[in-house]
Amino acid sequence: MSLNRYLLNIAYIGKPFRGAQLQVKRESCQPDPLTVQGRLEMALKVLNPCNEPIVVLSSRTDSGVHAINSTCHVDLYRRNGVNYEPKSVTFCLNKYFSAHDVPIRILKTYIVPETFHCRYNAISRTYLYRLIISKDNDTCSRSNNHFNYIPIEEWERSLFLCTDKFDMALMKETAKLFEGYHDYRSFMGKVLDRQKMTRRAIEYIKIINKEKTGYSHYSWPTLIDGPNPQNYVYLDIYMKSAGFLYKQVRRTVASLVAVAQGKVTIRDIKFMLEIPSRHSWCPQIKTLPAHGLYLCEVEYAREDLDTFRSTAEI
């Protein structure tokens, strides 16, 4: 038998899953179909390996969070001693997901050294939070009628806000406070045993106004009583770090939104950063929902990439 470790670049829509990682103790050989990990393990059985495939994820995304490009690795034994071709792994898994209507796709497959670990070898992770903000004061005053006109492809893919006040300049100014090395204990959802160390270094927070970069409104219907697409601001908020605490990204973006709406001040944000504690969290800030969050990229060192290229799609 021949053992190989395979690295998979994966994308998925998080809505059908209760999280990326297995939620219960592995007491049986049956994968958990309600997690991304479980579905991957079910699909890998199509390859008929002689071992039980155990998937290791590079990031533990929460229930409802999406991934544009995440990674995982798995060890596979093949009876005849011949390696699985990476292209065949990609094709077979995607065929399985399509046949079973599972919103997971394999972007690429690599053979990597047995010493490689997709989580521990990762040097950074980049997340995206998508916001669509109504600037129409009249629409905002008419309860939630504007939600009737949300393009279907944006439903539960972005967070929609209807607000008559949103200070973009103040939001960007506040984002700068989070960059660098800080103790982000105040921005954790809850204390987890595996995250006793709460200091992290955020490389950057980028806020991109897609309205100013020619974002297409092709999907908005032409309705007599519908909202004008030009009255909406489309924001992509990117955050990069070696690692994040539980719910840190969603609570950080929630803080930026609260400042922009005038619900809290920059002084409040500074207090949470300077006095890190779960008791420092401002109750006026509500953690943003998961459906607007995407894991965009998991980055590896150059020497790892060179190894991947030498064995990819052989």
C-alpha atoms as a PDB file:
ATOM      1  CA  MET A   1       0.000   0.000   0.000  1.00  0.00           C
ATOM      2  CA  SER A   2       1.101   3.545  -0.767  1.00  0.00           C
ATOM      3  CA  LEU A   3       0.291   6.474   1.504  1.00  0.00           C
ATOM      4  CA  ASN A   4       0.065   9.996   0.152  1.00  0.00           C
ATOM      5  CA  ARG A   5      -1.057  13.219   1.770  1.00  0.00           C
ATOM      6  CA  TYR A   6      -3.263  15.373  -0.434  1.00  0.00           C
ATOM      7  CA  LEU A   7      -3.924  19.088  -0.056  1.00  0.00           C
ATOM      8  CA  LEU A   8      -7.268  20.284  -1.410  1.00  0.00           C
ATOM      9  CA  ASN A   9      -8.266  23.841  -2.214  1.00  0.00           C
ATOM     10  CA  ILE A  10     -11.989  23.978  -1.495  1.00  0.00           C
ATOM     11  CA  ALA A  11     -14.916  26.400  -1.787  1.00  0.00           C
ATOM     12  CA  TYR A  12     -18.359  26.053  -0.233  1.00  0.00           C
ATOM     13  CA  ILE A  13     -21.597  27.808   0.663  1.00  0.00           C
ATOM     14  CA  GLY A  14     -22.035  27.601   4.418  1.00  0.00           C
ATOM     15  CA  LYS A  15     -25.820  27.802   4.750  1.00  0.00           C
ATOM     16  CA  PRO A  16     -26.591  24.022   4.725  1.00  0.00           C
ATOM     17  CA  PHE A  17     -23.867  23.214   7.254  1.00  0.00           C
ATOM     18  CA  ARG A  18     -23.673  23.613  11.001  1.00  0.00           C
ATOM     19  CA  GLY A  19     -19.991  24.421  10.654  1.00  0.00           C
ATOM     20  CA  ALA A  20     -16.900  23.328   8.775  1.00  0.00           C
ATOM     21  CA  GLN A  21     -15.472  21.008  11.402  1.00  0.00           C
ATOM     22  CA  LEU A  22     -16.908  17.789  12.844  1.00  0.00           C
ATOM     23  CA  GLN A  23     -19.132  18.803  15.763  1.00  0.00           C
ATOM     24  CA  VAL A  24     -19.178  15.557  17.724  1.00  0.00           C
ATOM     25  CA  LYS A  25     -16.556  13.097  18.930  1.00  0.00           C
ATOM     26  CA  ARG A  26     -15.562  10.579  16.301  1.00  0.00           C
ATOM     27  CA  GLU A  27     -17.085   7.515  17.976  1.00  0.00           C
ATOM     28  CA  SER A  28     -17.967   5.750  14.720  1.00  0.00           C
ATOM     29  CA  CYS A  29     -16.733   5.523  11.148  1.00  0.00           C
ATOM     30  CA  GLN A  30     -19.760   7.416   9.861  1.00  0.00           C
ATOM     31  CA  PRO A  31     -18.973  10.963   8.666  1.00  0.00           C
ATOM     32  CA  ASP A  32     -21.160  13.875   9.775  1.00  0.00           C
ATOM     33  CA  PRO A  33     -23.153  15.005   6.683  1.00  0.00           C
ATOM     34  CA  LEU A  34     -24.089  18.317   8.301  1.00  0.00           C
ATOM     35  CA  THR A  35     -20.501  19.600   8.327  1.00  0.00           C
ATOM     36  CA  VAL A  36     -18.128  20.436   5.502  1.00  0.00           C
ATOM     37  CA  GLN A  37     -15.579  17.999   6.924  1.00  0.00           C
ATOM     38  CA  GLY A  38     -18.137  15.211   7.036  1.00  0.00           C
ATOM     39  CA  ARG A  39     -19.263  15.774   3.456  1.00  0.00           C
ATOM     40  CA  LEU A  40     -15.669  15.772   2.243  1.00  0.00           C
ATOM     41  CA  GLU A  41     -15.043  12.475   4.018  1.00  0.00           C
ATOM     42  CA  MET A  42     -18.166  10.984   2.447  1.00  0.00           C
ATOM     43  CA  ALA A  43     -17.046  12.089  -1.009  1.00  0.00           C
ATOM     44  CA  LEU A  44     -13.521  10.719  -0.552  1.00  0.00           C
ATOM     45  CA  LYS A  45     -14.941   7.226  -0.074  1.00  0.00           C
ATOM     46  CA  VAL A  46     -15.836   7.319  -3.776  1.00  0.00           C
ATOM     47  CA  LEU A  47     -12.099   6.891  -4.447  1.00  0.00           C
ATOM     48  CA  ASN A  48     -12.284   3.543  -2.612  1.00  0.00           C
ATOM     49  CA  PRO A  49      -9.174   4.015  -0.444  1.00  0.00           C
ATOM     50  CA  CYS A  50      -8.286   1.160   1.893  1.00  0.00           C
ATOM     51  CA  ASN A  51      -8.160   3.546   4.872  1.00  0.00           C
ATOM     52  CA  GLU A  52     -10.908   5.614   6.455  1.00  0.00           C
ATOM     53  CA  PRO A  53     -10.290   9.149   5.083  1.00  0.00           C
ATOM     54  CA  ILE A  54      -9.950  11.701   7.903  1.00  0.00           C
ATOM     55  CA  VAL A  55     -10.043  15.293   6.673  1.00  0.00           C
ATOM     56  CA  VAL A  56      -8.061  18.004   8.493  1.00  0.00           C
ATOM     57  CA  LEU A  57      -9.260  21.570   7.876  1.00  0.00           C
ATOM     58  CA  SER A  58      -7.029  24.623   7.845  1.00  0.00           C
ATOM     59  CA  SER A  59      -9.777  26.805   9.374  1.00  0.00           C
ATOM     60  CA  ARG A  60     -12.799  26.091  11.548  1.00  0.00           C
ATOM     61  CA  THR A  61     -15.473  28.321  10.020  1.00  0.00           C
ATOM     62  CA  ASP A  62     -18.739  28.686  11.935  1.00  0.00           C
ATOM     63  CA  SER A  63     -22.196  27.619  10.854  1.00  0.00           C
ATOM     64  CA  GLY A  64     -23.329  29.664   7.857  1.00  0.00           C
ATOM     65  CA  VAL A  65     -19.888  31.044   6.966  1.00  0.00           C
ATOM     66  CA  HIS A  66     -18.822  30.570   3.341  1.00  0.00           C
ATOM     67  CA  ALA A  67     -15.425  29.852   1.781  1.00  0.00           C
ATOM     68  CA  ILE A  68     -14.115  31.143  -1.541  1.00  0.00           C
ATOM     69  CA  ASN A  69     -10.786  29.363  -1.191  1.00  0.00           C
ATOM     70  CA  SER A  70     -10.024  27.327   1.915  1.00  0.00           C
ATOM     71  CA  THR A  71      -7.793  24.272   2.316  1.00  0.00           C
ATOM     72  CA  CYS A  72      -7.771  20.860   3.930  1.00  0.00           C
ATOM     73  CA  HIS A  73      -5.564  17.781   3.802  1.00  0.00           C
ATOM     74  CA  VAL A  74      -6.207  14.062   3.897  1.00  0.00           C
ATOM     75  CA  ASP A  75      -4.096  10.892   3.892  1.00  0.00           C
ATOM     76  CA  LEU A  76      -5.143   8.224   1.415  1.00  0.00           C
ATOM     77  CA  TYR A  77      -3.936   4.628   1.081  1.00  0.00           C
ATOM     78  CA  ARG A  78      -4.421   2.914  -2.261  1.00  0.00           C
ATOM     79  CA  ARG A  79      -4.444  -0.861  -2.544  1.00  0.00           C
ATOM     80  CA  ASN A  80      -2.452  -1.149  -5.768  1.00  0.00           C
ATOM     81  CA  GLY A  81       0.321   1.135  -4.544  1.00  0.00           C
ATOM     82  CA  VAL A  82      -0.288   3.683  -7.328  1.00  0.00           C
ATOM     83  CA  ASN A  83      -0.858   7.316  -6.349  1.00  0.00           C
ATOM     84  CA  TYR A  84      -4.211   8.946  -6.967  1.00  0.00           C
ATOM     85  CA  GLU A  85      -3.715  11.523  -9.692  1.00  0.00           C
ATOM     86  CA  PRO A  86      -4.618  14.984  -8.337  1.00  0.00           C
ATOM     87  CA  LYS A  87      -6.778  15.734 -11.393  1.00  0.00           C
ATOM     88  CA  SER A  88      -8.729  12.537 -10.817  1.00  0.00           C
ATOM     89  CA  VAL A  89      -9.310  13.420  -7.157  1.00  0.00           C
ATOM     90  CA  THR A  90     -10.641  16.852  -8.147  1.00  0.00           C
ATOM     91  CA  PHE A  91     -12.892  15.413 -10.851  1.00  0.00           C
ATOM     92  CA  CYS A  92     -14.316  12.544  -8.792  1.00  0.00           C
ATOM     93  CA  LEU A  93     -15.094  14.664  -5.735  1.00  0.00           C
ATOM     94  CA  ASN A  94     -16.776  17.422  -7.763  1.00  0.00           C
ATOM     95  CA  LYS A  95     -18.811  14.821  -9.631  1.00  0.00           C
ATOM     96  CA  TYR A  96     -20.005  13.456  -6.274  1.00  0.00           C
ATOM     97  CA  PHE A  97     -20.917  16.914  -4.947  1.00  0.00           C
ATOM     98  CA  SER A  98     -22.822  17.805  -8.133  1.00  0.00           C
ATOM     99  CA  ALA A  99     -24.739  14.518  -8.107  1.00  0.00           C
ATOM    100  CA  HIS A 100     -25.770  15.001  -4.464  1.00  0.00           C
ATOM    101  CA  ASP A 101     -26.485  18.760  -4.684  1.00  0.00           C
ATOM    102  CA  VAL A 102     -23.838  19.569  -2.089  1.00  0.00           C
ATOM    103  CA  PRO A 103     -22.528  23.180  -2.325  1.00  0.00           C
ATOM    104  CA  ILE A 104     -18.845  22.229  -2.063  1.00  0.00           C
ATOM    105  CA  ARG A 105     -16.331  22.388  -4.892  1.00  0.00           C
ATOM    106  CA  ILE A 106     -12.726  21.253  -5.109  1.00  0.00           C
ATOM    107  CA  LEU A 107     -10.688  23.957  -6.810  1.00  0.00           C
ATOM    108  CA  LYS A 108      -7.423  22.030  -7.030  1.00  0.00           C
ATOM    109  CA  THR A 109      -5.665  19.016  -5.550  1.00  0.00           C
ATOM    110  CA  TYR A 110      -1.976  18.646  -4.675  1.00  0.00           C
ATOM    111  CA  ILE A 111       0.247  15.877  -3.377  1.00  0.00           C
ATOM    112  CA  VAL A 112       2.219  17.244  -0.429  1.00  0.00           C
ATOM    113  CA  PRO A 113       4.874  15.783   1.924  1.00  0.00           C
ATOM    114  CA  GLU A 114       3.627  13.677   4.842  1.00  0.00           C
ATOM    115  CA  THR A 115       5.075  16.297   7.184  1.00  0.00           C
ATOM    116  CA  PHE A 116       2.900  19.068   5.737  1.00  0.00           C
ATOM    117  CA  HIS A 117      -0.071  20.223   7.842  1.00  0.00           C
ATOM    118  CA  CYS A 118      -2.659  22.505   6.260  1.00  0.00           C
ATOM    119  CA  ARG A 119      -3.406  24.323   9.537  1.00  0.00           C
ATOM    120  CA  TYR A 120       0.028  24.570  11.144  1.00  0.00           C
ATOM    121  CA  ASN A 121       1.873  25.414   7.906  1.00  0.00           C
ATOM    122  CA  ALA A 122      -0.522  28.250   7.088  1.00  0.00           C
ATOM    123  CA  ILE A 123       1.082  31.659   7.545  1.00  0.00           C
ATOM    124  CA  SER A 124      -2.049  33.789   7.074  1.00  0.00           C
ATOM    125  CA  ARG A 125      -5.790  33.746   6.533  1.00  0.00           C
ATOM    126  CA  THR A 126      -7.856  36.394   4.791  1.00  0.00           C
ATOM    127  CA  TYR A 127     -11.572  36.885   5.440  1.00  0.00           C
ATOM    128  CA  LEU A 128     -14.130  38.994   3.599  1.00  0.00           C
ATOM    129  CA  TYR A 129     -17.320  40.467   5.019  1.00  0.00           C
ATOM    130  CA  ARG A 130     -19.826  41.790   2.469  1.00  0.00           C
ATOM    131  CA  LEU A 131     -22.220  44.633   3.255  1.00  0.00           C
ATOM    132  CA  ILE A 132     -24.947  46.283   1.175  1.00  0.00           C
ATOM    133  CA  ILE A 133     -26.169  49.536   2.710  1.00  0.00           C
ATOM    134  CA  SER A 134     -29.258  51.497   1.717  1.00  0.00           C
ATOM    135  CA  LYS A 135     -28.688  55.251   1.414  1.00  0.00           C
ATOM    136  CA  ASP A 136     -32.357  55.966   0.665  1.00  0.00           C
ATOM    137  CA  ASN A 137     -33.839  57.762   3.661  1.00  0.00           C
ATOM    138  CA  ASP A 138     -37.342  57.275   2.304  1.00  0.00           C
ATOM    139  CA  THR A 139     -36.790  53.534   1.917  1.00  0.00           C
ATOM    140  CA  CYS A 140     -35.357  53.286   5.416  1.00  0.00           C
ATOM    141  CA  SER A 141     -38.455  54.958   6.821  1.00  0.00           C
ATOM    142  CA  ARG A 142     -40.751  52.374   5.183  1.00  0.00           C
ATOM    143  CA  SER A 143     -39.951  49.418   7.448  1.00  0.00           C
ATOM    144  CA  ASN A 144     -38.315  46.549   5.522  1.00  0.00           C
ATOM    145  CA  ASN A 145     -40.038  46.836   2.146  1.00  0.00           C
ATOM    146  CA  HIS A 146     -36.704  47.266   0.374  1.00  0.00           C
ATOM    147  CA  PHE A 147     -35.833  43.645   1.206  1.00  0.00           C
ATOM    148  CA  ASN A 148     -38.451  42.558  -1.353  1.00  0.00           C
ATOM    149  CA  TYR A 149     -36.109  43.743  -4.091  1.00  0.00           C
ATOM    150  CA  ILE A 150     -32.875  42.085  -3.026  1.00  0.00           C
ATOM    151  CA  PRO A 151     -31.359  40.170  -6.004  1.00  0.00           C
ATOM    152  CA  ILE A 152     -31.749  36.465  -5.347  1.00  0.00           C
ATOM    153  CA  GLU A 153     -28.016  35.781  -5.752  1.00  0.00           C
ATOM    154  CA  GLU A 154     -27.354  38.199  -2.865  1.00  0.00           C
ATOM    155  CA  TRP A 155     -29.887  36.639  -0.503  1.00  0.00           C
ATOM    156  CA  GLU A 156     -27.991  35.379   2.548  1.00  0.00           C
ATOM    157  CA  ARG A 157     -24.698  36.110   0.761  1.00  0.00           C
ATOM    158  CA  SER A 158     -24.345  39.648   2.146  1.00  0.00           C
ATOM    159  CA  LEU A 159     -25.593  41.632   5.113  1.00  0.00           C
ATOM    160  CA  PHE A 160     -28.166  44.281   4.147  1.00  0.00           C
ATOM    161  CA  LEU A 161     -28.392  47.398   6.304  1.00  0.00           C
ATOM    162  CA  CYS A 162     -30.981  50.135   6.059  1.00  0.00           C
ATOM    163  CA  THR A 163     -29.675  53.216   7.807  1.00  0.00           C
ATOM    164  CA  ASP A 164     -29.992  56.962   7.359  1.00  0.00           C
ATOM    165  CA  LYS A 165     -26.506  57.505   8.809  1.00  0.00           C
ATOM    166  CA  PHE A 166     -23.277  55.845   7.725  1.00  0.00           C
ATOM    167  CA  ASP A 167     -19.923  57.647   8.019  1.00  0.00           C
ATOM    168  CA  MET A 168     -17.534  55.826   5.693  1.00  0.00           C
ATOM    169  CA  ALA A 169     -14.536  58.007   6.575  1.00  0.00           C
ATOM    170  CA  LEU A 170     -15.014  57.351  10.288  1.00  0.00           C
ATOM    171  CA  MET A 171     -15.336  53.627   9.600  1.00  0.00           C
ATOM    172  CA  LYS A 172     -11.989  53.560   7.778  1.00  0.00           C
ATOM    173  CA  GLU A 173     -10.346  55.612  10.501  1.00  0.00           C
ATOM    174  CA  THR A 174     -11.573  53.151  13.122  1.00  0.00           C
ATOM    175  CA  ALA A 175     -10.335  50.177  11.102  1.00  0.00           C
ATOM    176  CA  LYS A 176      -6.765  51.453  11.459  1.00  0.00           C
ATOM    177  CA  LEU A 177      -7.003  51.011  15.231  1.00  0.00           C
ATOM    178  CA  PHE A 178      -7.327  47.250  14.827  1.00  0.00           C
ATOM    179  CA  GLU A 179      -4.261  46.821  12.647  1.00  0.00           C
ATOM    180  CA  GLY A 180      -1.091  45.628  14.342  1.00  0.00           C
ATOM    181  CA  TYR A 181      -0.464  43.469  17.397  1.00  0.00           C
ATOM    182  CA  HIS A 182      -3.161  43.660  20.096  1.00  0.00           C
ATOM    183  CA  ASP A 183      -4.969  41.607  22.693  1.00  0.00           C
ATOM    184  CA  TYR A 184      -8.406  41.025  21.114  1.00  0.00           C
ATOM    185  CA  ARG A 185     -10.016  39.363  24.128  1.00  0.00           C
ATOM    186  CA  SER A 186     -12.855  41.917  24.040  1.00  0.00           C
ATOM    187  CA  PHE A 187     -13.775  40.788  20.527  1.00  0.00           C
ATOM    188  CA  MET A 188     -14.088  37.056  21.221  1.00  0.00           C
ATOM    189  CA  GLY A 189     -17.506  35.464  21.082  1.00  0.00           C
ATOM    190  CA  LYS A 190     -16.711  33.375  24.146  1.00  0.00           C
ATOM    191  CA  VAL A 191     -13.645  31.979  25.853  1.00  0.00           C
ATOM    192  CA  LEU A 192     -12.549  28.642  24.405  1.00  0.00           C
ATOM    193  CA  ASP A 193      -9.950  26.379  25.972  1.00  0.00           C
ATOM    194  CA  ARG A 194      -7.987  26.251  22.746  1.00  0.00           C
ATOM    195  CA  GLN A 195      -7.769  30.049  22.617  1.00  0.00           C
ATOM    196  CA  LYS A 196      -6.327  31.056  25.962  1.00  0.00           C
ATOM    197  CA  MET A 197      -3.800  33.204  24.102  1.00  0.00           C
ATOM    198  CA  THR A 198      -5.788  36.149  22.776  1.00  0.00           C
ATOM    199  CA  ARG A 199      -3.035  38.284  21.279  1.00  0.00           C
ATOM    200  CA  ARG A 200      -3.024  38.447  17.494  1.00  0.00           C
ATOM    201  CA  ALA A 201      -1.495  40.591  14.754  1.00  0.00           C
ATOM    202  CA  ILE A 202      -3.873  41.898  12.092  1.00  0.00           C
ATOM    203  CA  GLU A 203      -1.891  42.714   8.975  1.00  0.00           C
ATOM    204  CA  TYR A 204      -4.587  44.895   7.445  1.00  0.00           C
ATOM    205  CA  ILE A 205      -8.268  45.739   7.216  1.00  0.00           C
ATOM    206  CA  LYS A 206      -9.253  46.946   3.745  1.00  0.00           C
ATOM    207  CA  ILE A 207     -12.641  48.538   3.086  1.00  0.00           C
ATOM    208  CA  ILE A 208     -13.499  48.642  -0.607  1.00  0.00           C
ATOM    209  CA  ASN A 209     -16.494  50.615  -1.862  1.00  0.00           C
ATOM    210  CA  LYS A 210     -17.510  48.601  -4.920  1.00  0.00           C
ATOM    211  CA  GLU A 211     -19.944  51.299  -6.027  1.00  0.00           C
ATOM    212  CA  LYS A 212     -16.904  53.387  -6.908  1.00  0.00           C
ATOM    213  CA  THR A 213     -15.178  50.596  -8.830  1.00  0.00           C
ATOM    214  CA  GLY A 214     -17.887  49.936 -11.381  1.00  0.00           C
ATOM    215  CA  TYR A 215     -19.815  47.208  -9.596  1.00  0.00           C
ATOM    216  CA  SER A 216     -22.468  45.890 -11.980  1.00  0.00           C
ATOM    217  CA  HIS A 217     -26.134  46.245 -11.058  1.00  0.00           C
ATOM    218  CA  TYR A 218     -27.196  43.910 -13.855  1.00  0.00           C
ATOM    219  CA  SER A 219     -29.166  41.731 -11.469  1.00  0.00           C
ATOM    220  CA  TRP A 220     -31.452  44.447 -10.136  1.00  0.00           C
ATOM    221  CA  PRO A 221     -34.930  44.203 -11.685  1.00  0.00           C
ATOM    222  CA  THR A 222     -36.590  47.206 -13.287  1.00  0.00           C
ATOM    223  CA  LEU A 223     -39.626  47.818 -11.114  1.00  0.00           C
ATOM    224  CA  ILE A 224     -41.857  50.875 -11.064  1.00  0.00           C
ATOM    225  CA  ASP A 225     -42.034  50.938  -7.267  1.00  0.00           C
ATOM    226  CA  GLY A 226     -38.677  49.282  -6.616  1.00  0.00           C
ATOM    227  CA  PRO A 227     -35.583  50.915  -5.120  1.00  0.00           C
ATOM    228  CA  ASN A 228     -32.951  52.649  -7.196  1.00  0.00           C
ATOM    229  CA  PRO A 229     -29.750  50.533  -7.209  1.00  0.00           C
ATOM    230  CA  GLN A 230     -27.721  53.729  -7.056  1.00  0.00           C
ATOM    231  CA  ASN A 231     -29.070  54.289  -3.554  1.00  0.00           C
ATOM    232  CA  TYR A 232     -27.108  51.294  -2.271  1.00  0.00           C
ATOM    233  CA  VAL A 233     -23.473  51.138  -1.186  1.00  0.00           C
ATOM    234  CA  TYR A 234     -21.620  47.852  -1.686  1.00  0.00           C
ATOM    235  CA  LEU A 235     -18.773  47.288   0.770  1.00  0.00           C
ATOM    236  CA  ASP A 236     -16.197  44.509   0.793  1.00  0.00           C
ATOM    237  CA  ILE A 237     -14.256  44.422   4.068  1.00  0.00           C
ATOM    238  CA  TYR A 238     -11.093  42.291   3.973  1.00  0.00           C
ATOM    239  CA  MET A 239      -9.174  41.281   7.090  1.00  0.00           C
ATOM    240  CA  LYS A 240      -5.835  39.419   7.073  1.00  0.00           C
ATOM    241  CA  SER A 241      -3.994  37.778   9.962  1.00  0.00           C
ATOM    242  CA  ALA A 242      -2.089  34.619  10.809  1.00  0.00           C
ATOM    243  CA  GLY A 243      -5.114  33.553  12.838  1.00  0.00           C
ATOM    244  CA  PHE A 244      -8.307  34.849  14.408  1.00  0.00           C
ATOM    245  CA  LEU A 245     -10.169  34.277  17.657  1.00  0.00           C
ATOM    246  CA  TYR A 246     -13.662  32.829  17.806  1.00  0.00           C
ATOM    247  CA  LYS A 247     -16.067  35.293  16.102  1.00  0.00           C
ATOM    248  CA  GLN A 248     -13.335  37.946  16.054  1.00  0.00           C
ATOM    249  CA  VAL A 249     -13.918  38.934  12.424  1.00  0.00           C
ATOM    250  CA  ARG A 250     -17.684  39.329  12.753  1.00  0.00           C
ATOM    251  CA  ARG A 251     -17.396  41.269  16.003  1.00  0.00           C
ATOM    252  CA  THR A 252     -14.680  43.505  14.573  1.00  0.00           C
ATOM    253  CA  VAL A 253     -16.756  44.368  11.503  1.00  0.00           C
ATOM    254  CA  ALA A 254     -19.778  44.871  13.770  1.00  0.00           C
ATOM    255  CA  SER A 255     -17.729  47.418  15.711  1.00  0.00           C
ATOM    256  CA  LEU A 256     -16.811  49.268  12.522  1.00  0.00           C
ATOM    257  CA  VAL A 257     -20.451  49.352  11.430  1.00  0.00           C
ATOM    258  CA  ALA A 258     -21.577  50.589  14.863  1.00  0.00           C
ATOM    259  CA  VAL A 259     -19.078  53.459  14.709  1.00  0.00           C
ATOM    260  CA  ALA A 260     -20.173  54.381  11.175  1.00  0.00           C
ATOM    261  CA  GLN A 261     -23.804  54.437  12.315  1.00  0.00           C
ATOM    262  CA  GLY A 262     -23.008  56.546  15.368  1.00  0.00           C
ATOM    263  CA  LYS A 263     -24.072  53.876  17.863  1.00  0.00           C
ATOM    264  CA  VAL A 264     -20.639  53.894  19.527  1.00  0.00           C
ATOM    265  CA  THR A 265     -17.594  56.143  19.332  1.00  0.00           C
ATOM    266  CA  ILE A 266     -13.957  55.631  18.434  1.00  0.00           C
ATOM    267  CA  ARG A 267     -13.253  56.139  22.124  1.00  0.00           C
ATOM    268  CA  ASP A 268     -15.394  53.066  22.886  1.00  0.00           C
ATOM    269  CA  ILE A 269     -13.345  51.005  20.432  1.00  0.00           C
ATOM    270  CA  LYS A 270     -10.079  52.208  21.939  1.00  0.00           C
ATOM    271  CA  PHE A 271     -11.327  51.214  25.388  1.00  0.00           C
ATOM    272  CA  MET A 272     -12.102  47.663  24.215  1.00  0.00           C
ATOM    273  CA  LEU A 273      -8.629  47.367  22.703  1.00  0.00           C
ATOM    274  CA  GLU A 274      -6.788  48.929  25.642  1.00  0.00           C
ATOM    275  CA  ILE A 275      -8.764  47.082  28.358  1.00  0.00           C
ATOM    276  CA  PRO A 276      -9.094  43.592  26.847  1.00  0.00           C
ATOM    277  CA  SER A 277     -11.853  41.698  28.645  1.00  0.00           C
ATOM    278  CA  ARG A 278     -15.174  40.112  27.799  1.00  0.00           C
ATOM    279  CA  HIS A 279     -16.640  42.701  30.205  1.00  0.00           C
ATOM    280  CA  SER A 280     -15.324  45.542  28.015  1.00  0.00           C
ATOM    281  CA  TRP A 281     -17.570  44.687  25.071  1.00  0.00           C
ATOM    282  CA  CYS A 282     -20.059  47.468  24.262  1.00  0.00           C
ATOM    283  CA  PRO A 283     -23.611  46.073  24.516  1.00  0.00           C
ATOM    284  CA  GLN A 284     -24.728  48.509  21.789  1.00  0.00           C
ATOM    285  CA  ILE A 285     -22.731  46.424  19.294  1.00  0.00           C
ATOM    286  CA  LYS A 286     -24.450  43.322  17.965  1.00  0.00           C
ATOM    287  CA  THR A 287     -22.326  40.538  16.435  1.00  0.00           C
ATOM    288  CA  LEU A 288     -22.971  40.386  12.693  1.00  0.00           C
ATOM    289  CA  PRO A 289     -24.580  37.262  11.206  1.00  0.00           C
ATOM    290  CA  ALA A 290     -22.471  34.556   9.599  1.00  0.00           C
ATOM    291  CA  HIS A 291     -23.964  34.680   6.098  1.00  0.00           C
ATOM    292  CA  GLY A 292     -21.994  37.792   5.096  1.00  0.00           C
ATOM    293  CA  LEU A 293     -18.608  36.226   5.972  1.00  0.00           C
ATOM    294  CA  TYR A 294     -16.269  34.423   3.558  1.00  0.00           C
ATOM    295  CA  LEU A 295     -12.896  32.758   4.046  1.00  0.00           C
ATOM    296  CA  CYS A 296     -11.007  34.044   0.999  1.00  0.00           C
ATOM    297  CA  GLU A 297      -7.509  32.651   1.186  1.00  0.00           C
ATOM    298  CA  VAL A 298      -5.181  30.504   3.254  1.00  0.00           C
ATOM    299  CA  GLU A 299      -1.577  31.443   2.506  1.00  0.00           C
ATOM    300  CA  TYR A 300       1.499  29.226   2.716  1.00  0.00           C
ATOM    301  CA  ALA A 301       5.232  29.926   2.583  1.00  0.00           C
ATOM    302  CA  ARG A 302       7.090  30.060  -0.730  1.00  0.00           C
ATOM    303  CA  GLU A 303       8.936  26.816  -0.050  1.00  0.00           C
ATOM    304  CA  ASP A 304       5.596  25.058   0.474  1.00  0.00           C
ATOM    305  CA  LEU A 305       4.241  26.488  -2.764  1.00  0.00           C
ATOM    306  CA  ASP A 306       7.262  25.219  -4.679  1.00  0.00           C
ATOM    307  CA  THR A 307       6.595  21.735  -3.294  1.00  0.00           C
ATOM    308  CA  PHE A 308       2.950  21.986  -4.325  1.00  0.00           C
ATOM    309  CA  ARG A 309       3.859  23.011  -7.877  1.00  0.00           C
ATOM    310  CA  SER A 310       6.227  20.100  -8.280  1.00  0.00           C
ATOM    311  CA  THR A 311       3.513  17.572  -7.459  1.00  0.00           C
ATOM    312  CA  ALA A 312       0.287  19.266  -8.544  1.00  0.00           C
ATOM    313  CA  GLU A 313      -1.949  17.779 -11.205  1.00  0.00           C
ATOM    314  CA  ILE A 314       0.592  15.121 -12.228  1.00  0.00           C
END
